[in-house]
Amino acid sequence: MNIYLDITIAILISMAVSYALVFPVMKLAVKWKMMDYPELRKIHTEITPRMGGLAIFGGVVAGMIYIRPDTPYFTAICIGASIIVLTGLLDDRYQIRPIFKLAGQVAATGVLIFSGLKIDIVSVPFVGMVSMNEPISIVFTFLWIIGITNAINLIDGLDGLATGVSTISLISISVMALAIEPQITIVYLCVVLIGSNLGFLFHNFYPAKIYMGDTGSLFLGYSMAVISMVGLFKNVTLFSFVIPIIVLAIPVFDTLFSILRRLINKQKIMMPDNKHIHYQILAAGFSHRTTVLIIYAFSALFGLLAILFSLTSFG
């Protein structure tokens, strides 16, 4: 079958399933008391169901059933994703301690590493190919997956923000995977996430009827970290180390600045605050919707820069 037809069908399937699943998920969230309540640090003023990430996950599963990605790590990726989703569900329901959330992420990453999926060699600008021995490779892989997972989690502070930013990043990765040296598996993994995100965004954009919760933000972060490993890192002749950093610039640098800020102020690194980039733009006087669109625009700009960089370097 034509690849573009496959892509279109996969997007439509994942989008439709994600969109439709939001309705039963909202009912479950109310029944299980998995609601997000207004508080000083939060922007919203209405009690809103969370756990919407379950709809995103369902859309991705439906898309995967259709496309059946060809990768030897598929089983490990699915097991890891299930662990991440379960961790997010537990946090959305019981507000588990950060150490237990981290344990879930470590377990999911451990499954991938045990399957053989590790970052063992990368191409660094002005340096060239850098090989890592196994201990360093394992540590680097843990840091990458857990770092990106939490970066997406931390920007999930406004209606539709994490959903849109991750979608824009996934589109950028898809374009690179198609344009430079076709990596069909990467494209397929991206498009089911894109479709599922778009289906959910109908309900999640301002004013949101449902939030993705940690179920969704952890799953999206994990998925994007894994996709970058399977594609942007593993094919070292195609992509350099800097590419995924540019693509994910907004969440990556917001997270780095958050860590530095908390260290300087002698606060716990995992302690939430209202100093993230989206809160700062809001504080400058922009509306909720405009703030999200501004960050979308910058995400698209970084995505375009990543595409141009990859084309000039490897095209």
Protein backbone atom coordinates (compact mmCIF):
# COMPACT_ATOMS: atom_id res chain seq x y z
CA MET A 1 0.00 0.00 0.00
CA ASN A 2 1.15 3.57 -0.68
CA ILE A 3 3.00 4.96 2.33
CA TYR A 4 1.11 8.26 2.27
CA LEU A 5 -2.23 6.46 2.21
CA ASP A 6 -1.04 4.35 5.15
CA ILE A 7 -0.03 7.51 7.02
CA THR A 8 -3.40 9.15 6.34
CA ILE A 9 -5.37 6.11 7.49
CA ALA A 10 -3.22 5.71 10.62
CA ILE A 11 -3.72 9.37 11.57
CA LEU A 12 -7.48 9.16 11.02
CA ILE A 13 -7.82 5.95 13.03
CA SER A 14 -5.82 7.20 15.99
CA MET A 15 -7.54 10.60 15.87
CA ALA A 16 -11.04 9.13 15.76
CA VAL A 17 -10.39 6.63 18.56
CA SER A 18 -8.74 9.23 20.79
CA TYR A 19 -11.57 11.72 20.19
CA ALA A 20 -14.25 9.13 20.93
CA LEU A 21 -12.54 7.69 24.02
CA VAL A 22 -12.52 11.08 25.75
CA PHE A 23 -16.23 10.76 26.56
CA PRO A 24 -16.06 7.46 28.52
CA VAL A 25 -12.75 8.56 30.08
CA MET A 26 -14.42 11.73 31.39
CA LYS A 27 -17.16 9.62 32.98
CA LEU A 28 -14.56 7.33 34.55
CA ALA A 29 -12.62 10.31 35.87
CA VAL A 30 -15.73 11.64 37.60
CA LYS A 31 -16.63 8.19 38.96
CA TRP A 32 -13.11 7.55 40.27
CA LYS A 33 -12.78 11.14 41.55
CA MET A 34 -9.80 11.80 39.29
CA MET A 35 -10.49 15.52 39.03
CA ASP A 36 -8.23 18.56 38.84
CA TYR A 37 -9.28 21.20 41.37
CA PRO A 38 -8.45 24.92 41.11
CA GLU A 39 -5.68 26.11 43.43
CA LEU A 40 -3.29 29.05 43.79
CA ARG A 41 -0.58 27.62 41.50
CA LYS A 42 -3.04 26.58 38.78
CA ILE A 43 -4.67 28.77 36.15
CA HIS A 44 -8.04 27.10 35.65
CA THR A 45 -11.09 28.01 37.73
CA GLU A 46 -13.30 24.99 37.08
CA ILE A 47 -13.13 21.44 38.42
CA THR A 48 -11.95 19.45 35.39
CA PRO A 49 -11.56 15.71 34.76
CA ARG A 50 -8.00 14.53 34.26
CA MET A 51 -6.74 11.12 33.12
CA GLY A 52 -7.34 12.16 29.49
CA GLY A 53 -4.02 10.56 28.62
CA LEU A 54 -5.88 7.27 28.66
CA ALA A 55 -7.73 8.41 25.52
CA ILE A 56 -4.42 9.37 23.88
CA PHE A 57 -2.99 5.97 24.76
CA GLY A 58 -6.06 4.23 23.35
CA GLY A 59 -5.77 6.15 20.09
CA VAL A 60 -2.11 5.19 19.77
CA VAL A 61 -2.90 1.52 20.40
CA ALA A 62 -5.58 1.59 17.68
CA GLY A 63 -3.17 3.20 15.23
CA MET A 64 -0.46 0.68 16.09
CA ILE A 65 -2.81 -2.21 15.41
CA TYR A 66 -3.29 -0.85 11.90
CA ILE A 67 0.31 -0.03 10.98
CA ARG A 68 2.20 -2.70 13.01
CA PRO A 69 5.60 -0.92 13.14
CA ASP A 70 8.59 -2.98 12.08
CA THR A 71 11.11 -2.65 14.90
CA PRO A 72 12.78 -5.34 17.02
CA TYR A 73 12.10 -3.23 20.10
CA PHE A 74 8.34 -3.04 19.62
CA THR A 75 7.45 -5.41 22.49
CA ALA A 76 9.80 -3.64 24.91
CA ILE A 77 8.45 -0.23 23.86
CA CYS A 78 4.87 -1.41 24.50
CA ILE A 79 5.73 -2.87 27.92
CA GLY A 80 7.54 0.32 28.89
CA ALA A 81 4.62 2.45 27.69
CA SER A 82 2.19 0.36 29.74
CA ILE A 83 4.32 0.85 32.86
CA ILE A 84 4.42 4.61 32.22
CA VAL A 85 0.65 4.82 31.70
CA LEU A 86 0.03 2.81 34.89
CA THR A 87 2.38 5.13 36.78
CA GLY A 88 0.50 8.16 35.45
CA LEU A 89 -2.87 6.65 36.35
CA LEU A 90 -1.73 5.96 39.90
CA ASP A 91 -0.50 9.54 40.23
CA ASP A 92 -3.71 10.99 38.79
CA ARG A 93 -5.72 8.90 41.26
CA TYR A 94 -3.61 8.91 44.40
CA GLN A 95 -1.09 11.76 43.92
CA ILE A 96 1.81 9.39 44.60
CA ARG A 97 5.13 10.69 45.88
CA PRO A 98 7.69 11.84 43.27
CA ILE A 99 10.03 8.98 44.19
CA PHE A 100 7.38 6.45 43.15
CA LYS A 101 6.75 8.28 39.87
CA LEU A 102 10.49 8.17 39.24
CA ALA A 103 10.52 4.44 40.07
CA GLY A 104 7.92 3.83 37.35
CA GLN A 105 10.02 5.74 34.83
CA VAL A 106 13.14 3.83 35.83
CA ALA A 107 11.29 0.53 35.42
CA ALA A 108 10.00 1.50 31.95
CA THR A 109 13.47 2.61 30.87
CA GLY A 110 15.00 -0.54 32.31
CA VAL A 111 12.76 -2.67 30.09
CA LEU A 112 14.07 -0.84 27.01
CA ILE A 113 17.70 -1.15 28.04
CA PHE A 114 17.26 -4.86 28.81
CA SER A 115 15.87 -5.30 25.27
CA GLY A 116 19.04 -3.75 23.85
CA LEU A 117 17.69 -0.29 23.03
CA LYS A 118 20.39 2.06 24.28
CA ILE A 119 22.12 5.23 23.14
CA ASP A 120 25.63 3.90 22.57
CA ILE A 121 26.98 6.23 19.88
CA VAL A 122 26.03 9.77 18.90
CA SER A 123 27.24 12.37 16.44
CA VAL A 124 28.17 15.61 18.20
CA PRO A 125 28.72 18.82 16.18
CA PHE A 126 32.40 19.87 15.92
CA VAL A 127 33.40 16.64 17.69
CA GLY A 128 32.23 13.82 15.45
CA MET A 129 31.15 10.33 16.45
CA VAL A 130 31.27 9.68 20.17
CA SER A 131 31.11 6.06 21.36
CA MET A 132 30.16 5.18 24.92
CA ASN A 133 31.04 2.09 26.91
CA GLU A 134 28.11 0.12 28.32
CA PRO A 135 27.89 1.72 31.80
CA ILE A 136 27.97 5.24 30.36
CA SER A 137 25.54 4.23 27.63
CA ILE A 138 23.07 2.91 30.22
CA VAL A 139 23.35 6.05 32.36
CA PHE A 140 22.97 8.31 29.32
CA THR A 141 19.90 6.37 28.17
CA PHE A 142 18.29 6.64 31.61
CA LEU A 143 18.97 10.39 31.73
CA TRP A 144 17.61 10.95 28.23
CA ILE A 145 14.34 9.02 28.64
CA ILE A 146 13.59 10.23 32.16
CA GLY A 147 14.64 13.78 31.27
CA ILE A 148 12.39 14.07 28.21
CA THR A 149 9.53 12.31 30.00
CA ASN A 150 9.59 14.88 32.78
CA ALA A 151 10.19 17.79 30.41
CA ILE A 152 6.85 17.14 28.69
CA ASN A 153 5.25 16.58 32.08
CA LEU A 154 6.46 19.98 33.33
CA ILE A 155 5.11 22.01 30.40
CA ASP A 156 1.63 20.54 30.85
CA GLY A 157 0.46 23.66 32.65
CA LEU A 158 -1.98 25.30 30.23
CA ASP A 159 -4.89 24.00 28.17
CA GLY A 160 -3.58 22.24 25.08
CA LEU A 161 0.05 23.22 25.68
CA ALA A 162 1.76 19.84 26.09
CA THR A 163 -0.52 18.28 23.47
CA GLY A 164 0.28 20.94 20.88
CA VAL A 165 4.01 21.25 21.57
CA SER A 166 4.51 17.49 21.38
CA THR A 167 2.47 17.32 18.17
CA ILE A 168 4.58 20.04 16.53
CA SER A 169 7.77 18.24 17.57
CA LEU A 170 6.47 14.94 16.20
CA ILE A 171 5.60 16.58 12.88
CA SER A 172 9.17 17.92 12.67
CA ILE A 173 10.63 14.47 13.36
CA SER A 174 8.32 12.94 10.74
CA VAL A 175 9.42 15.43 8.09
CA MET A 176 13.09 14.68 8.78
CA ALA A 177 12.49 10.94 8.80
CA LEU A 178 10.81 11.18 5.39
CA ALA A 179 12.88 13.86 3.68
CA ILE A 180 16.47 12.88 4.37
CA GLU A 181 16.63 9.11 4.35
CA PRO A 182 13.20 7.50 4.70
CA GLN A 183 12.75 5.81 8.07
CA ILE A 184 9.23 4.50 7.70
CA THR A 185 9.02 2.97 11.18
CA ILE A 186 9.80 6.35 12.76
CA VAL A 187 7.19 8.04 10.60
CA TYR A 188 4.56 5.47 11.58
CA LEU A 189 5.35 5.83 15.29
CA CYS A 190 5.07 9.60 14.96
CA VAL A 191 1.83 9.73 12.98
CA VAL A 192 -0.19 7.58 15.39
CA LEU A 193 0.86 9.91 18.20
CA ILE A 194 0.08 12.96 16.06
CA GLY A 195 -3.38 11.65 15.21
CA SER A 196 -4.13 10.69 18.79
CA ASN A 197 -2.97 14.08 20.04
CA LEU A 198 -5.15 15.90 17.52
CA GLY A 199 -8.20 13.88 18.52
CA PHE A 200 -7.59 14.75 22.15
CA LEU A 201 -6.81 18.41 21.39
CA PHE A 202 -10.42 18.95 20.29
CA HIS A 203 -11.34 18.52 23.96
CA ASN A 204 -8.14 19.85 25.54
CA PHE A 205 -7.60 23.24 23.85
CA TYR A 206 -8.71 26.32 25.78
CA PRO A 207 -11.15 26.16 27.47
CA ALA A 208 -10.33 22.51 28.18
CA LYS A 209 -13.07 20.01 28.97
CA ILE A 210 -10.50 17.45 30.13
CA TYR A 211 -6.81 17.36 31.05
CA MET A 212 -4.37 14.67 30.00
CA GLY A 213 -3.03 14.39 33.55
CA ASP A 214 0.19 12.59 34.31
CA THR A 215 -1.26 9.61 32.45
CA GLY A 216 -0.90 11.58 29.23
CA SER A 217 2.10 13.83 29.85
CA LEU A 218 4.32 10.98 31.06
CA PHE A 219 3.21 8.78 28.15
CA LEU A 220 3.88 11.51 25.57
CA GLY A 221 7.28 12.32 27.06
CA TYR A 222 8.27 8.66 27.16
CA SER A 223 7.08 8.10 23.59
CA MET A 224 9.00 11.07 22.22
CA ALA A 225 12.17 10.04 24.04
CA VAL A 226 11.89 6.53 22.59
CA ILE A 227 11.17 7.77 19.06
CA SER A 228 14.24 10.00 19.18
CA MET A 229 16.32 7.00 20.27
CA VAL A 230 15.00 4.64 17.63
CA GLY A 231 15.47 7.24 14.89
CA LEU A 232 17.39 10.39 15.71
CA PHE A 233 20.08 8.68 17.77
CA LYS A 234 20.38 5.16 16.36
CA ASN A 235 20.93 6.16 12.73
CA VAL A 236 24.04 8.16 13.54
CA THR A 237 24.92 8.70 9.88
CA LEU A 238 21.65 10.57 9.48
CA PHE A 239 21.08 12.67 12.57
CA SER A 240 23.39 14.44 14.97
CA PHE A 241 22.96 14.66 18.72
CA VAL A 242 21.84 18.28 18.48
CA ILE A 243 18.75 17.51 16.36
CA PRO A 244 16.46 16.17 19.11
CA ILE A 245 17.61 18.98 21.41
CA ILE A 246 16.50 21.57 18.83
CA VAL A 247 13.21 19.78 18.14
CA LEU A 248 12.38 19.61 21.86
CA ALA A 249 13.95 22.97 22.73
CA ILE A 250 10.93 24.43 24.57
CA PRO A 251 10.41 21.58 27.08
CA VAL A 252 14.13 20.76 27.36
CA PHE A 253 15.32 24.27 28.20
CA ASP A 254 12.30 25.06 30.36
CA THR A 255 13.15 21.97 32.41
CA LEU A 256 16.86 22.82 32.62
CA PHE A 257 16.12 26.37 33.77
CA SER A 258 13.60 25.03 36.30
CA ILE A 259 16.21 22.70 37.79
CA LEU A 260 18.81 25.48 37.96
CA ARG A 261 16.29 27.88 39.51
CA ARG A 262 15.35 25.40 42.21
CA LEU A 263 18.96 24.53 42.96
CA ILE A 264 19.87 28.23 43.28
CA ASN A 265 16.86 28.83 45.55
CA LYS A 266 17.67 25.64 47.51
CA GLN A 267 14.31 24.09 46.67
CA LYS A 268 13.52 20.46 45.96
CA ILE A 269 14.04 19.74 42.25
CA MET A 270 10.69 17.93 42.00
CA MET A 271 8.80 20.74 43.78
CA PRO A 272 6.22 22.36 41.44
CA ASP A 273 6.17 26.13 40.97
CA ASN A 274 4.67 28.82 38.74
CA LYS A 275 7.92 30.06 37.18
CA HIS A 276 7.76 28.03 33.97
CA ILE A 277 7.87 29.79 30.62
CA HIS A 278 4.10 29.61 30.10
CA TYR A 279 3.43 31.26 33.46
CA GLN A 280 5.95 34.00 32.65
CA ILE A 281 4.23 34.78 29.34
CA LEU A 282 0.87 34.88 31.11
CA ALA A 283 2.33 37.23 33.72
CA ALA A 284 3.41 39.55 30.89
CA GLY A 285 -0.26 40.19 30.18
CA PHE A 286 -1.08 37.73 27.41
CA SER A 287 -4.30 35.71 27.50
CA HIS A 288 -4.38 31.97 28.14
CA ARG A 289 -5.10 31.17 24.49
CA THR A 290 -2.52 33.64 23.15
CA THR A 291 0.16 32.30 25.49
CA VAL A 292 -0.36 28.78 24.18
CA LEU A 293 -0.28 29.97 20.57
CA ILE A 294 2.95 31.91 21.19
CA ILE A 295 4.63 28.77 22.52
CA TYR A 296 3.23 26.78 19.58
CA ALA A 297 4.86 29.31 17.23
CA PHE A 298 8.24 29.04 18.93
CA SER A 299 7.98 25.23 18.90
CA ALA A 300 7.28 25.34 15.17
CA LEU A 301 10.26 27.68 14.68
CA PHE A 302 12.58 25.29 16.51
CA GLY A 303 11.15 22.39 14.51
CA LEU A 304 11.87 24.25 11.27
CA LEU A 305 15.42 25.02 12.45
CA ALA A 306 15.96 21.33 13.20
CA ILE A 307 14.74 20.37 9.73
CA LEU A 308 16.97 22.96 8.04
CA PHE A 309 19.95 21.92 10.16
CA SER A 310 19.46 18.26 9.27
CA LEU A 311 19.02 19.04 5.56
CA THR A 312 22.19 21.14 5.38
CA SER A 313 24.17 18.62 7.42
CA PHE A 314 22.93 15.37 5.91
CA GLY A 315 20.80 16.23 2.89
